[in-house]
Structures are given as C-alpha cells and as structure tokens.
Amino acid sequence: MKECRGDLLVLALQGEFDVIVHGCNCFCNMGAGIAKSIKKQFPEAYAADQTTLSADHAKLGSYSQARIQRDDRQFVILNAYTQFDWRGQGVKADYAAIRKAFAAIRKEFDGFRIAYPLIGAGLAGGDWATIAAIIDEELDGMDHTLVRLPSN
C-alpha cells in the first residue's frame, strides 16, 4: 500500500487515480464523511447508490459504481458497502464485507490506479491496522494508494 496526503477527490480530478473507493452503509443516504462530499461533488455516484435497495444486508461486500467525466479527466467512483448501518455505538465496519468488496475490485479493476481514504476506520470505528492488512492482501501486486487528509 502506497500512502499520500491530500484531498482524494481533488487528486482524482487532477488525474492521479483511475478508481476511487469509499465505504458506504447500506441505507442509500451518503450523509456523512467523505460520502457526503462525494454526493455533493459527484451526484453520479449518489445516483448509482440510489439504484440499490436500501437496508439490504445482501449489499454488504458489493459496490455500486459511477463513471465520472470532468473536462478531460475520467475516473470511476466505487460506493463500497462496507458497513450495514451507521446508527448506535460500537464498530460499524464489517471486515468480511471490506474483504469481499476489495476481492471484487481486484477482479474488475486490475491494472488501474486505485485510491481510497481510511475506509471503515473513521465514522465506522474499525481498526485501521486490520483494514489495511485486508486491503493489502486483496490488492497484492496492484497499484493502490491510501490517501490521508493532511490532518490525519
């Protein structure tokens, strides 16, 4: 896993990555964290999320996707369903769903430059060391980058 600091969405718009992945819950709201920023800046990603069934446990480990075109830049946003709910206390990140999503990403996006934030380790309360190990295992040998905010 490579790492850099910056704004994942700005870097994607600058052509640094072909695919960006962010974690979502299964309720189709994209109301907090980076998902909220994606919803505002890239309504295509929110529209893709809206095509899925809300509150569907079967979505865990899958993703919806939107192809983004801005001027001469093109990339894909993956809404990875890595937690079921956002309400209540405790860890919301689902490690098995994270593994399943990244295994599927490997199959569909091998050869692409993939980037992601601290998926599952922010609002979802997951352990980043555990999540990073999962991502490294599933994307072994691929070009993938963790993008940390300058303050993280």
C-alpha atoms as a PDB file:
ATOM      1  CA  MET A   1       0.000   0.000   0.000  1.00  0.00           C
ATOM      2  CA  LYS A   2       1.324   3.369  -1.002  1.00  0.00           C
ATOM      3  CA  GLU A   3       0.333   6.403   1.043  1.00  0.00           C
ATOM      4  CA  CYS A   4      -0.005  10.095   0.330  1.00  0.00           C
ATOM      5  CA  ARG A   5      -1.610  13.102   1.951  1.00  0.00           C
ATOM      6  CA  GLY A   6      -4.165  15.313   0.293  1.00  0.00           C
ATOM      7  CA  ASP A   7      -7.771  15.535  -0.796  1.00  0.00           C
ATOM      8  CA  LEU A   8      -8.723  12.278  -2.507  1.00  0.00           C
ATOM      9  CA  LEU A   9     -11.369  13.958  -4.652  1.00  0.00           C
ATOM     10  CA  VAL A  10      -9.048  16.745  -5.817  1.00  0.00           C
ATOM     11  CA  LEU A  11      -6.337  14.199  -6.653  1.00  0.00           C
ATOM     12  CA  ALA A  12      -8.832  12.171  -8.706  1.00  0.00           C
ATOM     13  CA  LEU A  13      -9.878  15.313 -10.567  1.00  0.00           C
ATOM     14  CA  GLN A  14      -6.194  16.018 -11.257  1.00  0.00           C
ATOM     15  CA  GLY A  15      -5.870  12.614 -12.938  1.00  0.00           C
ATOM     16  CA  GLU A  16      -3.818  10.895 -10.216  1.00  0.00           C
ATOM     17  CA  PHE A  17      -6.152   7.884  -9.934  1.00  0.00           C
ATOM     18  CA  ASP A  18      -8.420   5.839 -12.190  1.00  0.00           C
ATOM     19  CA  VAL A  19     -10.654   4.464  -9.429  1.00  0.00           C
ATOM     20  CA  ILE A  20     -11.549   5.815  -6.020  1.00  0.00           C
ATOM     21  CA  VAL A  21     -13.210   3.627  -3.420  1.00  0.00           C
ATOM     22  CA  HIS A  22     -15.065   4.833  -0.359  1.00  0.00           C
ATOM     23  CA  GLY A  23     -17.073   2.974   2.249  1.00  0.00           C
ATOM     24  CA  CYS A  24     -20.846   3.293   2.446  1.00  0.00           C
ATOM     25  CA  ASN A  25     -23.590   1.956   4.643  1.00  0.00           C
ATOM     26  CA  CYS A  26     -26.482   0.044   3.116  1.00  0.00           C
ATOM     27  CA  PHE A  27     -29.124   2.764   3.592  1.00  0.00           C
ATOM     28  CA  CYS A  28     -28.516   4.904   0.464  1.00  0.00           C
ATOM     29  CA  ASN A  29     -28.024   8.216   2.228  1.00  0.00           C
ATOM     30  CA  MET A  30     -24.339   9.194   1.864  1.00  0.00           C
ATOM     31  CA  GLY A  31     -24.893  11.737   4.640  1.00  0.00           C
ATOM     32  CA  ALA A  32     -21.536  11.970   6.437  1.00  0.00           C
ATOM     33  CA  GLY A  33     -17.784  11.767   5.974  1.00  0.00           C
ATOM     34  CA  ILE A  34     -16.278  11.579   2.512  1.00  0.00           C
ATOM     35  CA  ALA A  35     -19.527  10.067   1.208  1.00  0.00           C
ATOM     36  CA  LYS A  36     -21.255  13.399   1.851  1.00  0.00           C
ATOM     37  CA  SER A  37     -18.569  15.241  -0.138  1.00  0.00           C
ATOM     38  CA  ILE A  38     -18.839  12.719  -2.965  1.00  0.00           C
ATOM     39  CA  LYS A  39     -22.630  13.089  -3.001  1.00  0.00           C
ATOM     40  CA  LYS A  40     -22.271  16.868  -3.363  1.00  0.00           C
ATOM     41  CA  GLN A  41     -19.412  16.965  -5.907  1.00  0.00           C
ATOM     42  CA  PHE A  42     -20.274  13.866  -7.905  1.00  0.00           C
ATOM     43  CA  PRO A  43     -24.037  13.344  -7.958  1.00  0.00           C
ATOM     44  CA  GLU A  44     -23.486  10.475 -10.396  1.00  0.00           C
ATOM     45  CA  ALA A  45     -22.070   8.409  -7.504  1.00  0.00           C
ATOM     46  CA  TYR A  46     -25.074   9.198  -5.335  1.00  0.00           C
ATOM     47  CA  ALA A  47     -27.381   8.273  -8.230  1.00  0.00           C
ATOM     48  CA  ALA A  48     -25.591   4.919  -8.512  1.00  0.00           C
ATOM     49  CA  ASP A  49     -26.120   4.348  -4.777  1.00  0.00           C
ATOM     50  CA  GLN A  50     -29.809   5.162  -5.200  1.00  0.00           C
ATOM     51  CA  THR A  51     -30.200   2.338  -7.741  1.00  0.00           C
ATOM     52  CA  THR A  52     -29.539  -0.173  -4.940  1.00  0.00           C
ATOM     53  CA  LEU A  53     -32.078  -1.421  -2.420  1.00  0.00           C
ATOM     54  CA  SER A  54     -31.950   0.472   0.873  1.00  0.00           C
ATOM     55  CA  ALA A  55     -31.393  -1.525   4.087  1.00  0.00           C
ATOM     56  CA  ASP A  56     -30.443  -4.647   2.129  1.00  0.00           C
ATOM     57  CA  HIS A  57     -27.974  -6.854   4.020  1.00  0.00           C
ATOM     58  CA  ALA A  58     -27.156  -8.583   0.727  1.00  0.00           C
ATOM     59  CA  LYS A  59     -25.314  -5.430  -0.432  1.00  0.00           C
ATOM     60  CA  LEU A  60     -22.545  -5.930   2.138  1.00  0.00           C
ATOM     61  CA  GLY A  61     -19.280  -6.545   0.301  1.00  0.00           C
ATOM     62  CA  SER A  62     -20.572  -5.292  -3.040  1.00  0.00           C
ATOM     63  CA  TYR A  63     -20.324  -1.860  -4.616  1.00  0.00           C
ATOM     64  CA  SER A  64     -22.166   0.431  -6.973  1.00  0.00           C
ATOM     65  CA  GLN A  65     -20.171   2.487  -9.409  1.00  0.00           C
ATOM     66  CA  ALA A  66     -20.285   5.713 -11.348  1.00  0.00           C
ATOM     67  CA  ARG A  67     -18.094   6.791 -14.229  1.00  0.00           C
ATOM     68  CA  ILE A  68     -17.127  10.418 -13.726  1.00  0.00           C
ATOM     69  CA  GLN A  69     -16.183  12.759 -16.573  1.00  0.00           C
ATOM     70  CA  ARG A  70     -14.986  16.285 -15.774  1.00  0.00           C
ATOM     71  CA  ASP A  71     -13.379  18.172 -18.643  1.00  0.00           C
ATOM     72  CA  ASP A  72     -10.628  15.852 -19.933  1.00  0.00           C
ATOM     73  CA  ARG A  73     -10.495  13.748 -16.747  1.00  0.00           C
ATOM     74  CA  GLN A  74     -12.261  10.433 -16.320  1.00  0.00           C
ATOM     75  CA  PHE A  75     -12.350   8.106 -13.323  1.00  0.00           C
ATOM     76  CA  VAL A  76     -14.662   5.698 -11.525  1.00  0.00           C
ATOM     77  CA  ILE A  77     -16.117   6.100  -8.041  1.00  0.00           C
ATOM     78  CA  LEU A  78     -16.966   2.896  -6.213  1.00  0.00           C
ATOM     79  CA  ASN A  79     -19.502   3.081  -3.397  1.00  0.00           C
ATOM     80  CA  ALA A  80     -18.313   0.037  -1.430  1.00  0.00           C
ATOM     81  CA  TYR A  81     -20.891  -1.316   1.017  1.00  0.00           C
ATOM     82  CA  THR A  82     -18.555  -1.941   3.939  1.00  0.00           C
ATOM     83  CA  GLN A  83     -20.969  -1.411   6.835  1.00  0.00           C
ATOM     84  CA  PHE A  84     -24.648  -2.142   7.220  1.00  0.00           C
ATOM     85  CA  ASP A  85     -25.796   0.719   9.437  1.00  0.00           C
ATOM     86  CA  TRP A  86     -24.435   3.941  10.889  1.00  0.00           C
ATOM     87  CA  ARG A  87     -26.617   4.212  13.989  1.00  0.00           C
ATOM     88  CA  GLY A  88     -25.731   3.272  17.545  1.00  0.00           C
ATOM     89  CA  GLN A  89     -22.480   2.619  19.350  1.00  0.00           C
ATOM     90  CA  GLY A  90     -19.588   0.335  18.525  1.00  0.00           C
ATOM     91  CA  VAL A  91     -17.741  -0.713  15.422  1.00  0.00           C
ATOM     92  CA  LYS A  92     -19.842  -0.465  12.274  1.00  0.00           C
ATOM     93  CA  ALA A  93     -17.139  -1.571   9.836  1.00  0.00           C
ATOM     94  CA  ASP A  94     -17.747  -5.098   8.581  1.00  0.00           C
ATOM     95  CA  TYR A  95     -14.328  -6.671   7.947  1.00  0.00           C
ATOM     96  CA  ALA A  96     -15.765  -9.536   5.901  1.00  0.00           C
ATOM     97  CA  ALA A  97     -17.606  -7.011   3.688  1.00  0.00           C
ATOM     98  CA  ILE A  98     -14.419  -4.991   3.254  1.00  0.00           C
ATOM     99  CA  ARG A  99     -12.552  -8.133   2.173  1.00  0.00           C
ATOM    100  CA  LYS A 100     -15.315  -9.182  -0.223  1.00  0.00           C
ATOM    101  CA  ALA A 101     -15.507  -5.705  -1.791  1.00  0.00           C
ATOM    102  CA  PHE A 102     -11.749  -5.465  -2.351  1.00  0.00           C
ATOM    103  CA  ALA A 103     -11.617  -9.009  -3.764  1.00  0.00           C
ATOM    104  CA  ALA A 104     -14.254  -7.961  -6.311  1.00  0.00           C
ATOM    105  CA  ILE A 105     -12.386  -4.719  -7.020  1.00  0.00           C
ATOM    106  CA  ARG A 106      -9.269  -6.757  -7.763  1.00  0.00           C
ATOM    107  CA  LYS A 107     -11.125  -8.788 -10.364  1.00  0.00           C
ATOM    108  CA  GLU A 108     -12.746  -5.821 -12.112  1.00  0.00           C
ATOM    109  CA  PHE A 109     -10.029  -3.175 -11.833  1.00  0.00           C
ATOM    110  CA  ASP A 110      -6.688  -4.974 -12.090  1.00  0.00           C
ATOM    111  CA  GLY A 111      -4.238  -2.680 -13.881  1.00  0.00           C
ATOM    112  CA  PHE A 112      -5.936   0.524 -12.703  1.00  0.00           C
ATOM    113  CA  ARG A 113      -4.607   3.104 -10.227  1.00  0.00           C
ATOM    114  CA  ILE A 114      -6.854   2.709  -7.184  1.00  0.00           C
ATOM    115  CA  ALA A 115      -7.126   5.075  -4.218  1.00  0.00           C
ATOM    116  CA  TYR A 116      -9.168   5.192  -1.035  1.00  0.00           C
ATOM    117  CA  PRO A 117      -9.434   7.028   2.290  1.00  0.00           C
ATOM    118  CA  LEU A 118      -9.263   5.314   5.707  1.00  0.00           C
ATOM    119  CA  ILE A 119     -12.221   3.090   4.742  1.00  0.00           C
ATOM    120  CA  GLY A 120     -14.047   1.801   7.800  1.00  0.00           C
ATOM    121  CA  ALA A 121     -11.665   3.420  10.282  1.00  0.00           C
ATOM    122  CA  GLY A 122     -13.328   6.817  10.648  1.00  0.00           C
ATOM    123  CA  LEU A 123     -17.031   7.106  11.378  1.00  0.00           C
ATOM    124  CA  ALA A 124     -17.435   3.306  11.154  1.00  0.00           C
ATOM    125  CA  GLY A 125     -14.983   2.838  14.037  1.00  0.00           C
ATOM    126  CA  GLY A 126     -12.981  -0.036  12.561  1.00  0.00           C
ATOM    127  CA  ASP A 127      -9.351  -0.811  13.332  1.00  0.00           C
ATOM    128  CA  TRP A 128      -7.173   0.608  10.545  1.00  0.00           C
ATOM    129  CA  ALA A 129      -4.388  -1.931  11.040  1.00  0.00           C
ATOM    130  CA  THR A 130      -6.886  -4.746  10.437  1.00  0.00           C
ATOM    131  CA  ILE A 131      -8.471  -2.999   7.455  1.00  0.00           C
ATOM    132  CA  ALA A 132      -5.102  -2.092   5.904  1.00  0.00           C
ATOM    133  CA  ALA A 133      -3.997  -5.729   6.139  1.00  0.00           C
ATOM    134  CA  ILE A 134      -7.190  -6.849   4.374  1.00  0.00           C
ATOM    135  CA  ILE A 135      -6.738  -4.311   1.574  1.00  0.00           C
ATOM    136  CA  ASP A 136      -3.054  -5.214   1.154  1.00  0.00           C
ATOM    137  CA  GLU A 137      -3.923  -8.913   0.905  1.00  0.00           C
ATOM    138  CA  GLU A 138      -6.744  -8.417  -1.581  1.00  0.00           C
ATOM    139  CA  LEU A 139      -4.903  -5.880  -3.771  1.00  0.00           C
ATOM    140  CA  ASP A 140      -1.481  -7.513  -3.546  1.00  0.00           C
ATOM    141  CA  GLY A 141       0.642  -6.553  -6.552  1.00  0.00           C
ATOM    142  CA  MET A 142      -1.752  -3.820  -7.676  1.00  0.00           C
ATOM    143  CA  ASP A 143      -1.246  -0.049  -7.794  1.00  0.00           C
ATOM    144  CA  HIS A 144      -3.240   1.158  -4.786  1.00  0.00           C
ATOM    145  CA  THR A 145      -2.878   4.171  -2.528  1.00  0.00           C
ATOM    146  CA  LEU A 146      -4.230   5.260   0.824  1.00  0.00           C
ATOM    147  CA  VAL A 147      -4.943   8.987   0.688  1.00  0.00           C
ATOM    148  CA  ARG A 148      -4.857  10.565   4.138  1.00  0.00           C
ATOM    149  CA  LEU A 149      -6.176  14.016   4.814  1.00  0.00           C
ATOM    150  CA  PRO A 150      -3.373  16.412   5.666  1.00  0.00           C
ATOM    151  CA  SER A 151      -4.571  16.343   9.290  1.00  0.00           C
ATOM    152  CA  ASN A 152      -4.679  12.507   9.624  1.00  0.00           C
END
